[in-house]
Structures are given as structure tokens and as C-alpha cells.
Protein backbone atom coordinates (compact mmCIF):
# COMPACT_ATOMS: atom_id res chain seq x y z
CA MET A 1 0.34 0.07 -0.16
CA THR A 2 1.54 3.39 -1.32
CA PRO A 3 1.12 5.94 1.35
CA LEU A 4 -1.22 8.02 -1.23
CA ILE A 5 -3.47 4.82 -0.69
CA VAL A 6 -3.18 4.67 2.56
CA PHE A 7 -4.15 8.51 3.14
CA ALA A 8 -7.27 8.51 0.72
CA VAL A 9 -8.70 5.34 2.62
CA LEU A 10 -7.96 7.28 6.10
CA GLY A 11 -10.33 10.37 4.18
CA SER A 12 -12.48 8.02 3.28
CA ALA A 13 -12.97 6.64 6.73
CA LEU A 14 -13.62 9.94 7.88
CA LEU A 15 -16.10 10.72 5.51
CA HIS A 16 -17.80 7.28 6.46
CA ALA A 17 -17.89 8.29 10.09
CA ILE A 18 -19.35 11.85 9.20
CA TRP A 19 -22.31 10.42 7.03
CA ASN A 20 -23.13 7.62 9.64
CA SER A 21 -23.20 10.28 12.62
CA LEU A 22 -25.65 12.01 10.20
CA ALA A 23 -27.64 8.84 9.94
CA HIS A 24 -27.85 8.33 13.22
CA ALA A 25 -29.26 11.61 14.39
CA VAL A 26 -32.45 11.39 12.40
CA PRO A 27 -35.33 9.53 14.46
CA ASP A 28 -36.74 7.71 11.42
CA ARG A 29 -33.01 5.91 10.37
CA LEU A 30 -34.61 3.88 7.44
CA VAL A 31 -35.51 6.91 5.71
CA CYS A 32 -32.47 8.48 5.95
CA ILE A 33 -30.59 5.86 4.65
CA SER A 34 -32.83 5.53 2.04
CA LEU A 35 -32.26 8.88 1.10
CA ILE A 36 -28.56 7.96 0.92
CA GLY A 37 -29.17 5.38 -1.21
CA LEU A 38 -31.23 7.54 -3.81
CA VAL A 39 -28.06 9.79 -4.02
CA ASP A 40 -26.27 7.08 -4.44
CA ALA A 41 -27.91 5.97 -7.38
CA VAL A 42 -28.05 9.46 -8.77
CA GLY A 43 -24.40 9.74 -8.73
CA GLY A 44 -24.20 6.45 -10.10
CA ALA A 45 -26.58 7.53 -13.06
CA VAL A 46 -23.81 10.59 -13.58
CA MET A 47 -20.97 8.17 -13.82
CA ILE A 48 -22.91 5.88 -16.11
CA ALA A 49 -23.28 9.06 -18.58
CA PHE A 50 -19.94 9.12 -18.76
CA ALA A 51 -18.14 5.74 -18.11
CA GLY A 52 -21.78 4.07 -20.18
CA LEU A 53 -21.59 -0.01 -20.09
CA PRO A 54 -19.13 -2.32 -18.41
CA PRO A 55 -17.59 -5.26 -19.58
CA ALA A 56 -19.94 -8.70 -19.36
CA GLY A 57 -17.60 -10.06 -16.46
CA ALA A 58 -18.27 -7.27 -14.67
CA TRP A 59 -22.26 -8.23 -14.54
CA PRO A 60 -22.16 -10.99 -11.65
CA PHE A 61 -19.79 -9.03 -9.31
CA ILE A 62 -21.64 -5.34 -9.61
CA ILE A 63 -25.02 -7.51 -9.13
CA ALA A 64 -23.79 -9.46 -5.95
CA SER A 65 -22.41 -6.25 -4.66
CA ALA A 66 -25.60 -4.41 -5.07
CA VAL A 67 -27.57 -7.05 -3.43
CA LEU A 68 -25.22 -7.18 -0.42
CA HIS A 69 -25.29 -3.59 -0.09
CA VAL A 70 -29.01 -3.03 0.11
CA ALA A 71 -28.95 -6.03 2.91
CA TYR A 72 -26.10 -4.03 4.61
CA ALA A 73 -28.20 -0.86 4.54
CA LEU A 74 -31.57 -2.67 6.29
CA LEU A 75 -29.49 -4.28 8.89
CA LEU A 76 -27.58 -1.10 9.69
CA ALA A 77 -30.89 0.80 10.11
CA ALA A 78 -32.09 -2.36 12.17
CA SER A 79 -28.84 -2.33 14.38
CA TYR A 80 -29.16 1.55 14.86
CA GLU A 81 -32.68 1.14 16.06
CA LEU A 82 -32.06 -1.35 18.53
CA GLY A 83 -28.73 -0.63 19.80
CA GLU A 84 -26.63 2.08 20.61
CA PHE A 85 -24.72 3.60 17.82
CA SER A 86 -21.54 3.92 20.14
CA GLN A 87 -21.77 -0.60 20.08
CA MET A 88 -23.87 -1.33 17.17
CA TYR A 89 -21.24 1.01 14.73
CA PRO A 90 -17.85 -0.82 15.98
CA LEU A 91 -19.31 -4.17 16.03
CA ALA A 92 -19.82 -3.98 12.59
CA ARG A 93 -17.00 -2.22 11.48
CA GLY A 94 -14.65 -4.28 13.44
CA THR A 95 -16.05 -8.08 12.06
CA SER A 96 -15.22 -7.40 8.34
CA PRO A 97 -11.60 -7.06 8.58
CA TRP A 98 -11.33 -10.59 10.27
CA VAL A 99 -13.67 -12.10 7.44
CA VAL A 100 -11.88 -10.78 4.40
CA ALA A 101 -8.40 -11.17 5.52
CA LEU A 102 -9.35 -15.11 6.22
CA VAL A 103 -10.84 -14.76 2.85
CA SER A 104 -7.68 -13.31 1.18
CA VAL A 105 -5.11 -15.79 2.58
CA PHE A 106 -7.48 -18.98 2.52
CA LEU A 107 -9.78 -18.19 -0.41
CA LEU A 108 -8.00 -15.60 -2.64
CA ASP A 109 -4.50 -16.86 -1.59
CA HIS A 110 -3.49 -13.15 -0.72
CA PRO A 111 -0.79 -13.86 1.44
CA LEU A 112 -0.19 -10.97 4.06
CA PRO A 113 3.03 -9.55 4.96
CA PRO A 114 3.80 -10.19 8.86
CA ALA A 115 3.67 -6.47 9.61
CA GLU A 116 -0.14 -6.06 7.58
CA LEU A 117 -1.21 -9.10 9.16
CA LEU A 118 -0.56 -7.73 12.74
CA GLY A 119 -2.05 -4.40 11.82
CA VAL A 120 -5.03 -5.98 10.73
CA LEU A 121 -5.30 -7.98 13.92
CA ALA A 122 -4.88 -4.83 16.02
CA VAL A 123 -7.21 -2.81 14.25
CA SER A 124 -9.81 -5.97 14.38
CA GLY A 125 -9.16 -5.76 18.10
CA GLY A 126 -9.28 -2.56 18.95
CA LEU A 127 -12.50 -1.98 17.24
CA LEU A 128 -13.98 -5.17 19.27
CA GLY A 129 -12.32 -3.74 22.46
CA LEU A 130 -14.83 -0.69 21.72
CA VAL A 131 -17.72 -2.86 21.51
CA LEU A 132 -16.64 -4.55 25.25
CA VAL A 133 -15.85 -1.04 26.93
CA GLY A 134 -18.88 -0.52 29.01
CA GLY A 135 -18.59 -4.53 30.10
CA LEU A 136 -20.12 -7.87 28.77
CA PRO A 137 -23.39 -7.64 27.10
CA GLY A 138 -26.65 -8.52 28.79
CA ARG A 139 -29.13 -10.91 27.36
CA LYS A 140 -31.37 -8.21 26.26
CA GLN A 141 -29.03 -7.09 23.69
CA LEU A 142 -28.30 -9.76 22.12
CA PRO A 143 -30.73 -9.30 19.42
CA ALA A 144 -28.95 -6.15 18.64
CA LEU A 145 -25.58 -7.59 18.63
CA GLY A 146 -26.42 -10.08 16.13
CA VAL A 147 -27.99 -7.87 13.67
CA ALA A 148 -24.67 -5.50 14.11
CA THR A 149 -22.95 -9.04 13.40
CA LEU A 150 -24.78 -9.40 10.71
CA THR A 151 -24.45 -6.22 9.35
CA GLY A 152 -20.49 -7.07 9.83
CA LEU A 153 -20.62 -10.01 7.31
CA MET A 154 -22.40 -8.24 4.96
CA ILE A 155 -19.27 -5.61 4.71
CA ALA A 156 -16.96 -8.32 4.39
CA GLY A 157 -19.24 -9.53 1.74
CA TYR A 158 -19.33 -6.43 -0.75
CA THR A 159 -15.97 -5.71 0.25
CA VAL A 160 -14.43 -8.76 -1.40
CA VAL A 161 -16.77 -8.98 -4.31
CA ASP A 162 -15.84 -5.32 -4.86
CA GLY A 163 -12.32 -5.86 -4.51
CA LEU A 164 -12.54 -8.72 -7.14
CA GLY A 165 -15.23 -6.73 -9.32
CA VAL A 166 -13.50 -3.61 -10.06
CA ASN A 167 -10.75 -5.33 -11.50
CA GLN A 168 -13.29 -6.40 -14.19
CA ALA A 169 -14.15 -2.91 -15.28
CA PRO A 170 -13.07 0.31 -15.65
CA LEU A 171 -13.84 2.08 -12.21
CA LEU A 172 -16.19 4.78 -13.30
CA ALA A 173 -18.29 2.04 -15.23
CA TYR A 174 -18.15 -0.18 -12.10
CA SER A 175 -19.31 1.86 -9.42
CA GLY A 176 -21.80 3.68 -11.40
CA TRP A 177 -23.88 0.29 -12.05
CA MET A 178 -23.30 -0.26 -8.74
CA PHE A 179 -24.24 3.21 -7.06
CA LEU A 180 -27.57 2.89 -9.32
CA LEU A 181 -28.60 -0.74 -8.73
CA GLU A 182 -27.91 -0.50 -4.57
CA GLY A 183 -29.57 2.56 -4.45
CA LEU A 184 -32.68 2.48 -5.98
CA PRO A 185 -34.62 -0.41 -3.96
CA MET A 186 -34.10 1.40 -0.84
CA PRO A 187 -36.46 4.65 -1.01
CA LEU A 188 -39.07 1.81 -2.35
CA ILE A 189 -38.68 -0.23 0.63
CA ALA A 190 -39.02 2.97 3.01
CA LEU A 191 -41.76 4.01 1.06
CA ALA A 192 -43.75 0.33 1.61
CA ARG A 193 -42.50 0.55 5.12
CA ARG A 194 -43.61 3.75 6.26
CA ARG A 195 -46.87 4.40 3.92
CA GLY A 196 -48.62 6.85 5.03
CA GLY A 197 -46.23 8.47 7.24
CA ALA A 198 -43.44 8.12 4.32
CA LEU A 199 -43.99 11.89 3.04
CA ALA A 200 -43.14 13.42 6.37
CA SER A 201 -40.12 11.11 7.32
CA PHE A 202 -38.95 12.04 4.22
CA ARG A 203 -39.20 15.53 4.45
CA ALA A 204 -37.86 15.46 7.94
CA CYS A 205 -34.74 13.46 7.07
CA ALA A 206 -34.04 15.95 3.47
CA VAL A 207 -31.21 17.52 4.78
CA PRO A 208 -29.06 15.14 6.67
CA GLY A 209 -30.20 12.54 3.59
CA VAL A 210 -28.93 14.32 0.87
CA VAL A 211 -25.69 15.27 2.46
CA GLY A 212 -25.03 12.07 3.86
CA GLY A 213 -25.48 10.51 0.30
CA VAL A 214 -22.82 12.93 -0.89
CA VAL A 215 -20.38 12.64 1.64
CA ALA A 216 -21.36 8.68 1.43
CA LEU A 217 -21.04 8.29 -2.43
CA ALA A 218 -17.40 10.05 -2.14
CA ALA A 219 -16.41 7.99 0.41
CA TYR A 220 -17.12 4.06 -1.12
CA THR A 221 -15.84 6.08 -4.72
CA ILE A 222 -12.16 6.31 -2.85
CA VAL A 223 -12.74 2.91 -1.33
CA LEU A 224 -13.10 1.15 -4.59
CA TRP A 225 -10.35 3.27 -5.97
CA ALA A 226 -7.87 1.42 -3.63
CA GLN A 227 -9.04 -1.51 -4.05
CA THR A 228 -7.84 -1.76 -7.21
CA SER A 229 -4.67 -1.97 -5.74
CA GLY A 230 -5.40 -5.71 -4.98
CA ALA A 231 -4.85 -5.14 -0.86
CA LEU A 232 -8.33 -6.42 0.16
CA ALA A 233 -7.36 -7.12 3.55
CA PRO A 234 -5.07 -3.92 4.54
CA VAL A 235 -7.75 -1.65 2.96
CA ALA A 236 -10.57 -3.17 4.75
CA ALA A 237 -8.77 -2.70 7.99
CA LEU A 238 -7.95 0.56 7.12
CA ARG A 239 -11.41 2.32 6.29
CA GLU A 240 -12.77 0.21 9.74
CA THR A 241 -10.99 2.94 11.56
CA SER A 242 -13.94 5.39 10.59
CA ILE A 243 -15.21 4.37 14.54
CA VAL A 244 -12.23 6.15 15.77
CA PHE A 245 -13.39 9.36 13.95
CA GLY A 246 -16.98 8.57 14.68
CA ALA A 247 -15.66 8.20 18.84
CA LEU A 248 -13.98 11.84 18.10
CA ILE A 249 -17.28 13.24 16.52
CA GLY A 250 -19.14 11.88 19.14
CA SER A 251 -17.08 13.49 21.93
CA LEU A 252 -16.40 16.99 20.10
CA PHE A 253 -19.60 17.29 18.66
CA LEU A 254 -22.18 15.24 19.85
CA GLY A 255 -21.47 15.19 23.94
CA GLU A 256 -20.56 11.55 24.20
CA ARG A 257 -18.07 11.22 26.58
CA LEU A 258 -15.01 9.46 25.56
CA GLY A 259 -13.14 7.78 28.20
CA HIS A 260 -9.65 6.03 29.00
CA ARG A 261 -10.81 2.37 27.83
CA ARG A 262 -12.19 4.17 24.92
CA ALA A 263 -9.77 6.23 24.28
CA VAL A 264 -6.59 3.00 24.36
CA ALA A 265 -9.21 1.11 22.55
CA ALA A 266 -8.59 3.71 19.97
CA ALA A 267 -5.11 3.91 20.21
CA VAL A 268 -4.67 0.19 19.74
CA VAL A 269 -6.36 0.79 16.39
CA LEU A 270 -4.10 3.50 15.64
CA ALA A 271 -1.28 1.44 16.01
CA GLY A 272 -3.16 -1.07 13.74
CA VAL A 273 -2.68 1.65 11.11
CA LEU A 274 0.74 2.56 11.44
CA LEU A 275 1.58 -1.20 10.77
CA ILE A 276 -0.55 -1.30 7.86
CA SER A 277 0.96 1.95 6.41
CA LEU A 278 5.00 1.01 6.86
């Protein structure tokens, strides 16, 4: 991983934390995430206008990625409804690097250098440590933790699919069709679920939804570009540092207490970032 890729993925992680904080701050998370999807679809259509159709070999990856992204968005909204942001977000993001690293090494035959492997483990361990800052979860938290873990598996799934698929087509063609196909179903799902109250919810979430969509579009386009390097597991681990930025945003702007244990866990994540970028 070159310094440019490391810097770009860290920037993407910051953008990701910003749009998630926007999505969490609204009363109707499903509607907000559906608006983010709608903006992604519009952005994808613009990309398609310039890039056109991708090669035939890229379509299975694009379709699989779109399906996984829709499942991820629905699970993310559900996890935010069931549990606290400070626990759900790190659990979802901390699950992905472990799974991507295992898939990269054992299924894709992409061995990791020792320093990068240690960095992936440190990032994952630090993120999961953030989940356990408040102690072991109780039985009432298990449904929320289960949904957050499933969210992490969806993240790992589309990370691997996109890491392979983005090399099958020009970046704008691949990302444009993926954004279009994954963004369009979300507003339809929200309309079906909210029915009579949909218009009021969409109006209330318009600003954070649109801003979050623009930020999300930029964040994941950067990740797709970084994945063209082939470094799937390190990129996956680096982008999960978004939870560190999320903790800082919560402390500085949302009035959440950082605490020394959470700070230590964040330091472990940053140590992992340094190992990956060496």
C-alpha cells in the first residue's frame, strides 16, 4: 500500500464516520439511509453517463455487490434501532476486517506480510474492544449484537466482491452501475414500510439524507479506487478506522464521553493503522 492509498482510505474513513453520524442523529434511520441510497443512485447515473456499460464479466460482481449493499443498509438501520450507536457501529465495522483477511488469505491466495497481518489484527481487536468498553453485553442486547454482526458480514461480503469486481471494469463503469442498482431499492422499501407517514419522514430527513448521500458516495468511490491495488485486507482494515473518527465526532460534537478505556482501544486501532501503512 502506497502512502497515497493509505491517506485516501483514511480520508474515506472520516467521510464514512460523518455520514453514519448524520444517519444516527435523525429519528427515522431507515428513511435517512434510503435517501442516502437515492443520492447514490443519482451519482451512479451520472457516472454511467460518462462511462457507459461495463464488460460482461463485471456484471455478476456488480449485481452481487448491489444485493449485499441493500442487505447491509437494511441491517444497519435495524441495528441502530435496536442498540446504541457507540456499540453497534464498532461491532459492525470490527467484524469485517477479520472476515476479509481470512477470505483474502485462504480463498483468494493473497498472503499478508507479517506487519500487515499484525496491523489487521490490531485494528480488529481495537474496534471490538470499543464494543466491550462498558462490559459484557446482557441477554437483552443479544438481538442488537446479532444484527450488528450480520451487518459486519455484509460489509465483508461486498468488500471482497468489489475488491475482485473493480478490476473487471473501468472504475466509473463499475461503481456507477453498482451505486445505481443498490441505491434504487432503498427508497421503495422505505415507502412500503412507512406508507402514510413516508412523506413527512422524507421531508424531515431531507437535509441529513442528501448531505449524507453525497459524503457516502465520495467515501466509497475512494475505497473502490484503493481496492484496484489488490490490497483487500489492509484496505478493509484501514477503512474501519472510521469508528475512531466516529468516537471523536461523538466526543467533540455530540456530547458523548470518550473515557480512558475507549481512548486506549482507539490507540490500538491507530497502532494497527501504522503497521499497515509501513
